[in-house]
C-alpha atoms as a PDB file:
ATOM      1  CA  MET A   1      15.702 -13.647  36.778  1.00  0.00           C
ATOM      2  CA  ALA A   2      14.038 -10.394  37.839  1.00  0.00           C
ATOM      3  CA  GLU A   3      10.391 -10.095  38.027  1.00  0.00           C
ATOM      4  CA  LYS A   4       8.824  -9.219  34.251  1.00  0.00           C
ATOM      5  CA  ARG A   5       5.980  -7.403  33.798  1.00  0.00           C
ATOM      6  CA  TRP A   6       4.628  -9.613  30.699  1.00  0.00           C
ATOM      7  CA  ALA A   7       4.345 -13.259  31.727  1.00  0.00           C
ATOM      8  CA  PHE A   8       2.181 -15.810  29.605  1.00  0.00           C
ATOM      9  CA  GLU A   9      -0.305 -15.647  32.163  1.00  0.00           C
ATOM     10  CA  ASP A  10      -0.896 -11.539  31.225  1.00  0.00           C
ATOM     11  CA  PHE A  11      -1.482 -12.000  27.697  1.00  0.00           C
ATOM     12  CA  GLN A  12      -5.077 -11.942  26.489  1.00  0.00           C
ATOM     13  CA  GLU A  13      -6.799 -12.966  22.998  1.00  0.00           C
ATOM     14  CA  GLY A  14      -7.027  -9.468  21.262  1.00  0.00           C
ATOM     15  CA  GLN A  15      -4.585  -7.598  23.250  1.00  0.00           C
ATOM     16  CA  VAL A  16      -2.731  -5.535  21.173  1.00  0.00           C
ATOM     17  CA  PHE A  17       0.518  -4.034  22.211  1.00  0.00           C
ATOM     18  CA  GLN A  18       1.678  -0.559  20.043  1.00  0.00           C
ATOM     19  CA  LEU A  19       5.403  -0.558  18.939  1.00  0.00           C
ATOM     20  CA  PRO A  20       7.450   2.087  19.213  1.00  0.00           C
ATOM     21  CA  ARG A  21       8.121   4.226  16.051  1.00  0.00           C
ATOM     22  CA  ARG A  22      11.592   3.766  14.272  1.00  0.00           C
ATOM     23  CA  HIS A  23      13.219   6.135  11.729  1.00  0.00           C
ATOM     24  CA  VAL A  24      15.151   3.922   8.673  1.00  0.00           C
ATOM     25  CA  PRO A  25      18.031   6.474   7.408  1.00  0.00           C
ATOM     26  CA  ALA A  26      19.718   5.872   4.007  1.00  0.00           C
ATOM     27  CA  ASP A  27      23.130   5.342   5.390  1.00  0.00           C
ATOM     28  CA  GLU A  28      21.270   2.304   7.742  1.00  0.00           C
ATOM     29  CA  ILE A  29      19.923   1.110   4.778  1.00  0.00           C
ATOM     30  CA  ILE A  30      23.527   0.928   2.771  1.00  0.00           C
ATOM     31  CA  GLU A  31      25.060  -0.331   5.906  1.00  0.00           C
ATOM     32  CA  PHE A  32      22.557  -3.409   6.121  1.00  0.00           C
ATOM     33  CA  ALA A  33      22.670  -4.136   2.827  1.00  0.00           C
ATOM     34  CA  SER A  34      26.849  -3.932   2.691  1.00  0.00           C
ATOM     35  CA  GLU A  35      27.339  -6.763   4.917  1.00  0.00           C
ATOM     36  CA  PHE A  36      24.110  -8.983   4.424  1.00  0.00           C
ATOM     37  CA  ASP A  37      21.979  -8.201   0.740  1.00  0.00           C
ATOM     38  CA  ALA A  38      24.482  -6.111  -1.461  1.00  0.00           C
ATOM     39  CA  GLN A  39      21.974  -6.232  -4.044  1.00  0.00           C
ATOM     40  CA  PRO A  40      22.265  -2.932  -6.136  1.00  0.00           C
ATOM     41  CA  MET A  41      18.460  -1.377  -5.309  1.00  0.00           C
ATOM     42  CA  HIS A  42      19.550  -1.468  -1.194  1.00  0.00           C
ATOM     43  CA  MET A  43      23.101  -0.019  -1.863  1.00  0.00           C
ATOM     44  CA  ASP A  44      22.423   3.050  -4.386  1.00  0.00           C
ATOM     45  CA  GLU A  45      19.662   5.530  -4.396  1.00  0.00           C
ATOM     46  CA  GLU A  46      20.051   5.686  -8.329  1.00  0.00           C
ATOM     47  CA  ALA A  47      19.651   1.850  -8.817  1.00  0.00           C
ATOM     48  CA  GLY A  48      16.523   1.847  -6.361  1.00  0.00           C
ATOM     49  CA  ARG A  49      14.687   4.432  -8.337  1.00  0.00           C
ATOM     50  CA  ALA A  50      15.208   2.317 -11.607  1.00  0.00           C
ATOM     51  CA  SER A  51      14.135  -0.896 -10.055  1.00  0.00           C
ATOM     52  CA  LEU A  52      10.594  -2.166  -8.962  1.00  0.00           C
ATOM     53  CA  LEU A  53      11.318  -0.645  -5.485  1.00  0.00           C
ATOM     54  CA  GLY A  54      11.024   3.304  -6.642  1.00  0.00           C
ATOM     55  CA  GLY A  55      13.995   4.378  -4.569  1.00  0.00           C
ATOM     56  CA  LEU A  56      16.852   3.398  -2.142  1.00  0.00           C
ATOM     57  CA  ALA A  57      15.249   0.499  -0.418  1.00  0.00           C
ATOM     58  CA  ALA A  58      15.812  -1.576   3.215  1.00  0.00           C
ATOM     59  CA  SER A  59      16.531  -5.085   2.304  1.00  0.00           C
ATOM     60  CA  GLY A  60      13.240  -7.288   3.329  1.00  0.00           C
ATOM     61  CA  TRP A  61      15.601  -8.839   5.922  1.00  0.00           C
ATOM     62  CA  HIS A  62      16.607  -5.136   7.171  1.00  0.00           C
ATOM     63  CA  THR A  63      13.148  -4.410   7.663  1.00  0.00           C
ATOM     64  CA  CYS A  64      12.396  -7.507   9.663  1.00  0.00           C
ATOM     65  CA  ALA A  65      15.368  -6.496  11.875  1.00  0.00           C
ATOM     66  CA  VAL A  66      14.061  -3.031  12.473  1.00  0.00           C
ATOM     67  CA  PHE A  67      10.626  -5.262  13.291  1.00  0.00           C
ATOM     68  CA  MET A  68      12.255  -7.554  15.677  1.00  0.00           C
ATOM     69  CA  ARG A  69      13.566  -4.376  17.472  1.00  0.00           C
ATOM     70  CA  MET A  70      10.437  -2.614  17.494  1.00  0.00           C
ATOM     71  CA  MET A  71       9.076  -5.677  19.140  1.00  0.00           C
ATOM     72  CA  PHE A  72      11.609  -6.222  21.632  1.00  0.00           C
ATOM     73  CA  ASP A  73      11.611  -2.647  22.779  1.00  0.00           C
ATOM     74  CA  GLY A  74       7.798  -2.573  23.034  1.00  0.00           C
ATOM     75  CA  PHE A  75       7.162  -6.011  24.998  1.00  0.00           C
ATOM     76  CA  LEU A  76       9.681  -8.446  24.637  1.00  0.00           C
ATOM     77  CA  ARG A  77      12.313  -6.696  26.720  1.00  0.00           C
ATOM     78  CA  ASP A  78      10.231  -6.714  30.090  1.00  0.00           C
ATOM     79  CA  SER A  79       8.867 -10.391  29.336  1.00  0.00           C
ATOM     80  CA  THR A  80       9.791 -13.928  29.900  1.00  0.00           C
ATOM     81  CA  SER A  81      10.439 -14.669  26.454  1.00  0.00           C
ATOM     82  CA  GLN A  82      12.161 -17.868  25.696  1.00  0.00           C
ATOM     83  CA  GLY A  83      12.130 -17.087  22.203  1.00  0.00           C
ATOM     84  CA  SER A  84      10.080 -18.443  19.147  1.00  0.00           C
ATOM     85  CA  PRO A  85       9.796 -21.782  16.835  1.00  0.00           C
ATOM     86  CA  GLY A  86       9.578 -20.180  14.111  1.00  0.00           C
ATOM     87  CA  LEU A  87       7.187 -17.747  11.686  1.00  0.00           C
ATOM     88  CA  ASN A  88       3.797 -19.085  10.426  1.00  0.00           C
ATOM     89  CA  GLU A  89       3.594 -16.371   8.014  1.00  0.00           C
ATOM     90  CA  LEU A  90       5.710 -13.327   6.771  1.00  0.00           C
ATOM     91  CA  ARG A  91       4.936 -10.797   3.760  1.00  0.00           C
ATOM     92  CA  TRP A  92       6.893  -7.652   2.446  1.00  0.00           C
ATOM     93  CA  ARG A  93       4.271  -5.282   1.492  1.00  0.00           C
ATOM     94  CA  ARG A  94       5.717  -2.400   0.593  1.00  0.00           C
ATOM     95  CA  PRO A  95       9.585  -1.548   0.201  1.00  0.00           C
ATOM     96  CA  VAL A  96      10.680   0.558   3.113  1.00  0.00           C
ATOM     97  CA  LEU A  97      12.252   3.669   1.557  1.00  0.00           C
ATOM     98  CA  ALA A  98      15.471   5.700   3.324  1.00  0.00           C
ATOM     99  CA  GLY A  99      13.823   8.351   5.477  1.00  0.00           C
ATOM    100  CA  ASP A 100      11.026   6.486   6.202  1.00  0.00           C
ATOM    101  CA  THR A 101       9.763   6.280  10.211  1.00  0.00           C
ATOM    102  CA  LEU A 102       7.929   2.476  10.624  1.00  0.00           C
ATOM    103  CA  SER A 103       5.093   2.458  13.406  1.00  0.00           C
ATOM    104  CA  GLY A 104       3.396  -1.125  14.291  1.00  0.00           C
ATOM    105  CA  HIS A 105       1.463  -3.331  16.614  1.00  0.00           C
ATOM    106  CA  SER A 106       1.076  -6.770  17.458  1.00  0.00           C
ATOM    107  CA  THR A 107      -2.212  -8.451  18.299  1.00  0.00           C
ATOM    108  CA  VAL A 108      -2.419 -11.666  20.302  1.00  0.00           C
ATOM    109  CA  LEU A 109      -4.182 -14.401  18.557  1.00  0.00           C
ATOM    110  CA  SER A 110      -4.215 -17.384  20.891  1.00  0.00           C
ATOM    111  CA  LYS A 111      -2.419 -18.426  23.713  1.00  0.00           C
ATOM    112  CA  ARG A 112      -2.011 -22.342  25.167  1.00  0.00           C
ATOM    113  CA  ARG A 113       0.737 -24.127  28.087  1.00  0.00           C
ATOM    114  CA  LEU A 114       2.645 -26.264  26.719  1.00  0.00           C
ATOM    115  CA  LYS A 115       2.037 -30.197  27.590  1.00  0.00           C
ATOM    116  CA  SER A 116       5.750 -30.856  27.311  1.00  0.00           C
ATOM    117  CA  LYS A 117       6.965 -28.026  29.596  1.00  0.00           C
ATOM    118  CA  PRO A 118       4.499 -27.103  31.997  1.00  0.00           C
ATOM    119  CA  ASP A 119       6.399 -23.609  32.975  1.00  0.00           C
ATOM    120  CA  VAL A 120       5.943 -22.519  29.569  1.00  0.00           C
ATOM    121  CA  GLY A 121       3.355 -21.172  27.292  1.00  0.00           C
ATOM    122  CA  LEU A 122       2.948 -20.292  23.595  1.00  0.00           C
ATOM    123  CA  VAL A 123       1.534 -17.034  22.553  1.00  0.00           C
ATOM    124  CA  THR A 124       0.533 -16.447  19.078  1.00  0.00           C
ATOM    125  CA  PHE A 125       0.644 -12.862  17.637  1.00  0.00           C
ATOM    126  CA  ARG A 126      -0.398 -11.193  14.252  1.00  0.00           C
ATOM    127  CA  HIS A 127       2.029  -8.393  13.465  1.00  0.00           C
ATOM    128  CA  VAL A 128       1.370  -5.315  11.630  1.00  0.00           C
ATOM    129  CA  VAL A 129       4.151  -2.646  10.557  1.00  0.00           C
ATOM    130  CA  ALA A 130       3.366   0.536   8.589  1.00  0.00           C
ATOM    131  CA  ASN A 131       5.253   3.353   6.911  1.00  0.00           C
ATOM    132  CA  ASP A 132       4.536   6.963   7.912  1.00  0.00           C
ATOM    133  CA  ARG A 133       2.447   7.057   4.638  1.00  0.00           C
ATOM    134  CA  GLY A 134      -0.168   4.820   6.830  1.00  0.00           C
ATOM    135  CA  GLU A 135       0.908   2.064   3.813  1.00  0.00           C
ATOM    136  CA  THR A 136       1.274  -1.673   5.416  1.00  0.00           C
ATOM    137  CA  VAL A 137       5.510  -2.502   4.588  1.00  0.00           C
ATOM    138  CA  LEU A 138       5.022  -5.864   6.921  1.00  0.00           C
ATOM    139  CA  ASP A 139       3.011  -8.359   8.246  1.00  0.00           C
ATOM    140  CA  ALA A 140       3.735 -11.572  10.085  1.00  0.00           C
ATOM    141  CA  GLU A 141       2.116 -13.888  12.197  1.00  0.00           C
ATOM    142  CA  ASN A 142       4.126 -16.277  14.908  1.00  0.00           C
ATOM    143  CA  PRO A 143       4.129 -18.151  18.201  1.00  0.00           C
ATOM    144  CA  ILE A 144       6.462 -17.141  20.861  1.00  0.00           C
ATOM    145  CA  PHE A 145       7.637 -19.016  23.649  1.00  0.00           C
ATOM    146  CA  PHE A 146       7.096 -17.318  27.215  1.00  0.00           C
ATOM    147  CA  ARG A 147       7.422 -18.569  30.866  1.00  0.00           C
ATOM    148  CA  LEU A 148       4.662 -18.737  33.349  1.00  0.00           C
ATOM    149  CA  ARG A 149       4.900 -16.710  36.407  1.00  0.00           C
ATOM    150  CA  GLU A 150       3.262 -19.158  38.427  1.00  0.00           C
ATOM    151  CA  PRO A 151       3.288 -22.662  36.873  1.00  0.00           C
ATOM    152  CA  GLU A 152       1.294 -24.297  39.620  1.00  0.00           C
ATOM    153  CA  GLY A 153      -1.729 -22.126  39.657  1.00  0.00           C
ATOM    154  CA  SER A 154      -2.137 -20.708  36.317  1.00  0.00           C
ATOM    155  CA  GLN A 155      -4.462 -22.250  33.618  1.00  0.00           C
END
């Protein structure tokens, strides 16, 4: 594996990673929904307007997929990430409507080395994603495994 910018040692509590912006067009919402969540409010503008969501809205799972891509492009691509054991918390706060542009950030909450795998550490993040109106659409907390750059000398 080529040298990565972000290994376990590089993360510090309180560190904030800005995530790249991502536009969510209507055709992407419909395409995702037709494959994974074909409820009417995710497939049709009129049905979306008639729903509690107020317009053609991305499935919450689509919002998660977009967020995952934002996080990958923001820092995971250039890291020693080894995946995640899951989410501690996930909330969809507001619908992502067709044409929204999302932005967000991930903040390091804590980190610790694994006793069972001394070359791996666990970094816990708090994530917030907002639409272009400044409204939070998703917040989440989760740990991610990262390899250590120098397992012998790191604390």
